[in-house]
Amino acid sequence: MTDLPTTARAVIIGGGIVGCSVAYHLGKLGWSDTVLLERKKLTSGTTFHA
């Protein structure tokens, strides 16, 4: 596990389809100070319903 920053403009909890989409779109808007937290690997809990 890498060290987490002490501050962030946005913290996204969950790296499923929605969390990854939010991170992507924030990046497209110029937000570089964001953190995405995921328990396992990205999209590991994504189901066929998403």
PDB file of N, CA and C in Angstrom:
ATOM      1  N   MET A   1       0.851  -1.185   0.000  1.00  0.00           N
ATOM      2  CA  MET A   1       0.000   0.000   0.000  1.00  0.00           C
ATOM      3  C   MET A   1       0.887   1.235   0.000  1.00  0.00           C
ATOM      4  N   THR A   2       0.521   2.209  -0.814  1.00  0.00           N
ATOM      5  CA  THR A   2       1.278   3.452  -0.857  1.00  0.00           C
ATOM      6  C   THR A   2       0.779   4.391   0.226  1.00  0.00           C
ATOM      7  N   ASP A   3       1.616   5.349   0.563  1.00  0.00           N
ATOM      8  CA  ASP A   3       1.220   6.339   1.560  1.00  0.00           C
ATOM      9  C   ASP A   3       0.150   7.256   0.976  1.00  0.00           C
ATOM     10  N   LEU A   4      -0.865   7.512   1.769  1.00  0.00           N
ATOM     11  CA  LEU A   4      -1.946   8.397   1.338  1.00  0.00           C
ATOM     12  C   LEU A   4      -1.561   9.845   1.605  1.00  0.00           C
ATOM     13  N   PRO A   5      -1.984  10.757   0.752  1.00  0.00           N
ATOM     14  CA  PRO A   5      -1.712  12.172   1.008  1.00  0.00           C
ATOM     15  C   PRO A   5      -2.505  12.652   2.218  1.00  0.00           C
ATOM     16  N   THR A   6      -2.015  13.698   2.849  1.00  0.00           N
ATOM     17  CA  THR A   6      -2.706  14.238   4.023  1.00  0.00           C
ATOM     18  C   THR A   6      -3.869  15.139   3.635  1.00  0.00           C
ATOM     19  N   THR A   7      -3.861  15.660   2.414  1.00  0.00           N
ATOM     20  CA  THR A   7      -4.965  16.491   1.934  1.00  0.00           C
ATOM     21  C   THR A   7      -5.314  16.095   0.502  1.00  0.00           C
ATOM     22  N   ALA A   8      -6.555  16.333   0.135  1.00  0.00           N
ATOM     23  CA  ALA A   8      -7.011  16.100  -1.234  1.00  0.00           C
ATOM     24  C   ALA A   8      -8.239  16.960  -1.485  1.00  0.00           C
ATOM     25  N   ARG A   9      -8.385  17.394  -2.696  1.00  0.00           N
ATOM     26  CA  ARG A   9      -9.567  18.182  -3.064  1.00  0.00           C
ATOM     27  C   ARG A   9     -10.804  17.299  -3.103  1.00  0.00           C
ATOM     28  N   ALA A  10     -10.631  16.050  -3.525  1.00  0.00           N
ATOM     29  CA  ALA A  10     -11.740  15.097  -3.572  1.00  0.00           C
ATOM     30  C   ALA A  10     -11.225  13.720  -3.192  1.00  0.00           C
ATOM     31  N   VAL A  11     -12.029  12.987  -2.432  1.00  0.00           N
ATOM     32  CA  VAL A  11     -11.733  11.594  -2.100  1.00  0.00           C
ATOM     33  C   VAL A  11     -12.887  10.761  -2.637  1.00  0.00           C
ATOM     34  N   ILE A  12     -12.563   9.826  -3.513  1.00  0.00           N
ATOM     35  CA  ILE A  12     -13.561   8.955  -4.130  1.00  0.00           C
ATOM     36  C   ILE A  12     -13.435   7.593  -3.473  1.00  0.00           C
ATOM     37  N   ILE A  13     -14.518   7.107  -2.902  1.00  0.00           N
ATOM     38  CA  ILE A  13     -14.503   5.817  -2.219  1.00  0.00           C
ATOM     39  C   ILE A  13     -15.150   4.789  -3.129  1.00  0.00           C
ATOM     40  N   GLY A  14     -14.355   3.845  -3.573  1.00  0.00           N
ATOM     41  CA  GLY A  14     -14.836   2.784  -4.448  1.00  0.00           C
ATOM     42  C   GLY A  14     -14.305   2.942  -5.861  1.00  0.00           C
ATOM     43  N   GLY A  15     -13.653   1.904  -6.349  1.00  0.00           N
ATOM     44  CA  GLY A  15     -13.059   1.940  -7.679  1.00  0.00           C
ATOM     45  C   GLY A  15     -13.831   1.141  -8.699  1.00  0.00           C
ATOM     46  N   GLY A  16     -15.138   1.065  -8.512  1.00  0.00           N
ATOM     47  CA  GLY A  16     -15.977   0.402  -9.508  1.00  0.00           C
ATOM     48  C   GLY A  16     -16.196   1.318 -10.697  1.00  0.00           C
ATOM     49  N   ILE A  17     -17.175   0.991 -11.491  1.00  0.00           N
ATOM     50  CA  ILE A  17     -17.441   1.762 -12.711  1.00  0.00           C
ATOM     51  C   ILE A  17     -17.758   3.219 -12.404  1.00  0.00           C
ATOM     52  N   VAL A  18     -18.506   3.480 -11.348  1.00  0.00           N
ATOM     53  CA  VAL A  18     -18.877   4.856 -11.018  1.00  0.00           C
ATOM     54  C   VAL A  18     -17.690   5.617 -10.439  1.00  0.00           C
ATOM     55  N   GLY A  19     -16.967   5.004  -9.507  1.00  0.00           N
ATOM     56  CA  GLY A  19     -15.806   5.668  -8.921  1.00  0.00           C
ATOM     57  C   GLY A  19     -14.743   5.999  -9.950  1.00  0.00           C
ATOM     58  N   CYS A  20     -14.467   5.062 -10.849  1.00  0.00           N
ATOM     59  CA  CYS A  20     -13.484   5.308 -11.912  1.00  0.00           C
ATOM     60  C   CYS A  20     -13.972   6.392 -12.865  1.00  0.00           C
ATOM     61  N   SER A  21     -15.269   6.404 -13.142  1.00  0.00           N
ATOM     62  CA  SER A  21     -15.830   7.435 -14.015  1.00  0.00           C
ATOM     63  C   SER A  21     -15.716   8.815 -13.374  1.00  0.00           C
ATOM     64  N   VAL A  22     -16.019   8.902 -12.091  1.00  0.00           N
ATOM     65  CA  VAL A  22     -15.897  10.177 -11.381  1.00  0.00           C
ATOM     66  C   VAL A  22     -14.447  10.654 -11.415  1.00  0.00           C
ATOM     67  N   ALA A  23     -13.505   9.760 -11.137  1.00  0.00           N
ATOM     68  CA  ALA A  23     -12.086  10.130 -11.166  1.00  0.00           C
ATOM     69  C   ALA A  23     -11.674  10.604 -12.559  1.00  0.00           C
ATOM     70  N   TYR A  24     -12.127   9.908 -13.578  1.00  0.00           N
ATOM     71  CA  TYR A  24     -11.810  10.281 -14.963  1.00  0.00           C
ATOM     72  C   TYR A  24     -12.339  11.676 -15.284  1.00  0.00           C
ATOM     73  N   HIS A  25     -13.607  11.913 -14.964  1.00  0.00           N
ATOM     74  CA  HIS A  25     -14.218  13.191 -15.315  1.00  0.00           C
ATOM     75  C   HIS A  25     -13.655  14.342 -14.488  1.00  0.00           C
ATOM     76  N   LEU A  26     -13.312  14.102 -13.236  1.00  0.00           N
ATOM     77  CA  LEU A  26     -12.648  15.150 -12.456  1.00  0.00           C
ATOM     78  C   LEU A  26     -11.298  15.491 -13.076  1.00  0.00           C
ATOM     79  N   GLY A  27     -10.578  14.473 -13.521  1.00  0.00           N
ATOM     80  CA  GLY A  27      -9.305  14.710 -14.198  1.00  0.00           C
ATOM     81  C   GLY A  27      -9.480  15.515 -15.477  1.00  0.00           C
ATOM     82  N   LYS A  28     -10.530  15.209 -16.249  1.00  0.00           N
ATOM     83  CA  LYS A  28     -10.807  15.966 -17.477  1.00  0.00           C
ATOM     84  C   LYS A  28     -11.134  17.429 -17.172  1.00  0.00           C
ATOM     85  N   LEU A  29     -11.696  17.677 -15.974  1.00  0.00           N
ATOM     86  CA  LEU A  29     -12.010  19.047 -15.557  1.00  0.00           C
ATOM     87  C   LEU A  29     -10.804  19.761 -14.953  1.00  0.00           C
ATOM     88  N   GLY A  30      -9.664  19.067 -14.859  1.00  0.00           N
ATOM     89  CA  GLY A  30      -8.453  19.687 -14.349  1.00  0.00           C
ATOM     90  C   GLY A  30      -8.167  19.432 -12.883  1.00  0.00           C
ATOM     91  N   TRP A  31      -8.966  18.608 -12.239  1.00  0.00           N
ATOM     92  CA  TRP A  31      -8.730  18.288 -10.831  1.00  0.00           C
ATOM     93  C   TRP A  31      -7.590  17.279 -10.750  1.00  0.00           C
ATOM     94  N   SER A  32      -6.453  17.703 -10.245  1.00  0.00           N
ATOM     95  CA  SER A  32      -5.319  16.786 -10.131  1.00  0.00           C
ATOM     96  C   SER A  32      -5.114  16.309  -8.698  1.00  0.00           C
ATOM     97  N   ASP A  33      -5.756  16.950  -7.752  1.00  0.00           N
ATOM     98  CA  ASP A  33      -5.570  16.623  -6.336  1.00  0.00           C
ATOM     99  C   ASP A  33      -6.727  15.752  -5.845  1.00  0.00           C
ATOM    100  N   THR A  34      -6.839  14.537  -6.402  1.00  0.00           N
ATOM    101  CA  THR A  34      -7.899  13.615  -6.016  1.00  0.00           C
ATOM    102  C   THR A  34      -7.303  12.287  -5.574  1.00  0.00           C
ATOM    103  N   VAL A  35      -8.037  11.587  -4.734  1.00  0.00           N
ATOM    104  CA  VAL A  35      -7.619  10.269  -4.246  1.00  0.00           C
ATOM    105  C   VAL A  35      -8.771   9.305  -4.476  1.00  0.00           C
ATOM    106  N   LEU A  36      -8.477   8.149  -5.045  1.00  0.00           N
ATOM    107  CA  LEU A  36      -9.473   7.101  -5.234  1.00  0.00           C
ATOM    108  C   LEU A  36      -9.084   5.936  -4.325  1.00  0.00           C
ATOM    109  N   LEU A  37      -9.976   5.578  -3.413  1.00  0.00           N
ATOM    110  CA  LEU A  37      -9.712   4.490  -2.474  1.00  0.00           C
ATOM    111  C   LEU A  37     -10.469   3.241  -2.901  1.00  0.00           C
ATOM    112  N   GLU A  38      -9.770   2.119  -2.933  1.00  0.00           N
ATOM    113  CA  GLU A  38     -10.389   0.843  -3.286  1.00  0.00           C
ATOM    114  C   GLU A  38      -9.822  -0.231  -2.370  1.00  0.00           C
ATOM    115  N   ARG A  39     -10.669  -1.114  -1.917  1.00  0.00           N
ATOM    116  CA  ARG A  39     -10.263  -2.174  -0.996  1.00  0.00           C
ATOM    117  C   ARG A  39      -9.325  -3.171  -1.663  1.00  0.00           C
ATOM    118  N   LYS A  40      -9.638  -3.568  -2.876  1.00  0.00           N
ATOM    119  CA  LYS A  40      -8.828  -4.540  -3.610  1.00  0.00           C
ATOM    120  C   LYS A  40      -8.291  -3.868  -4.863  1.00  0.00           C
ATOM    121  N   LYS A  41      -8.374  -4.535  -5.998  1.00  0.00           N
ATOM    122  CA  LYS A  41      -7.942  -3.892  -7.236  1.00  0.00           C
ATOM    123  C   LYS A  41      -9.125  -3.187  -7.885  1.00  0.00           C
ATOM    124  N   LEU A  42      -8.848  -2.224  -8.737  1.00  0.00           N
ATOM    125  CA  LEU A  42      -9.908  -1.444  -9.372  1.00  0.00           C
ATOM    126  C   LEU A  42     -10.873  -2.344 -10.123  1.00  0.00           C
ATOM    127  N   THR A  43     -12.120  -2.040 -10.029  1.00  0.00           N
ATOM    128  CA  THR A  43     -13.255  -2.726 -10.660  1.00  0.00           C
ATOM    129  C   THR A  43     -13.403  -4.174 -10.221  1.00  0.00           C
ATOM    130  N   SER A  44     -12.814  -4.563  -9.106  1.00  0.00           N
ATOM    131  CA  SER A  44     -12.890  -5.961  -8.667  1.00  0.00           C
ATOM    132  C   SER A  44     -14.287  -6.361  -8.218  1.00  0.00           C
ATOM    133  N   GLY A  45     -15.107  -5.406  -7.793  1.00  0.00           N
ATOM    134  CA  GLY A  45     -16.457  -5.741  -7.355  1.00  0.00           C
ATOM    135  C   GLY A  45     -17.523  -5.444  -8.391  1.00  0.00           C
ATOM    136  N   THR A  46     -17.119  -5.011  -9.574  1.00  0.00           N
ATOM    137  CA  THR A  46     -18.070  -4.664 -10.617  1.00  0.00           C
ATOM    138  C   THR A  46     -18.795  -5.906 -11.110  1.00  0.00           C
ATOM    139  N   THR A  47     -20.100  -5.790 -11.247  1.00  0.00           N
ATOM    140  CA  THR A  47     -20.896  -6.916 -11.732  1.00  0.00           C
ATOM    141  C   THR A  47     -21.393  -6.630 -13.138  1.00  0.00           C
ATOM    142  N   PHE A  48     -22.034  -7.603 -13.735  1.00  0.00           N
ATOM    143  CA  PHE A  48     -22.574  -7.417 -15.079  1.00  0.00           C
ATOM    144  C   PHE A  48     -23.733  -6.435 -15.096  1.00  0.00           C
ATOM    145  N   HIS A  49     -24.282  -6.089 -13.923  1.00  0.00           N
ATOM    146  CA  HIS A  49     -25.390  -5.136 -13.849  1.00  0.00           C
ATOM    147  C   HIS A  49     -24.924  -3.706 -14.080  1.00  0.00           C
ATOM    148  N   ALA A  50     -23.642  -3.438 -13.836  1.00  0.00           N
ATOM    149  CA  ALA A  50     -23.139  -2.060 -13.929  1.00  0.00           C
ATOM    150  C   ALA A  50     -22.924  -1.631 -15.364  1.00  0.00           C
TER     151      ALA A  50
END
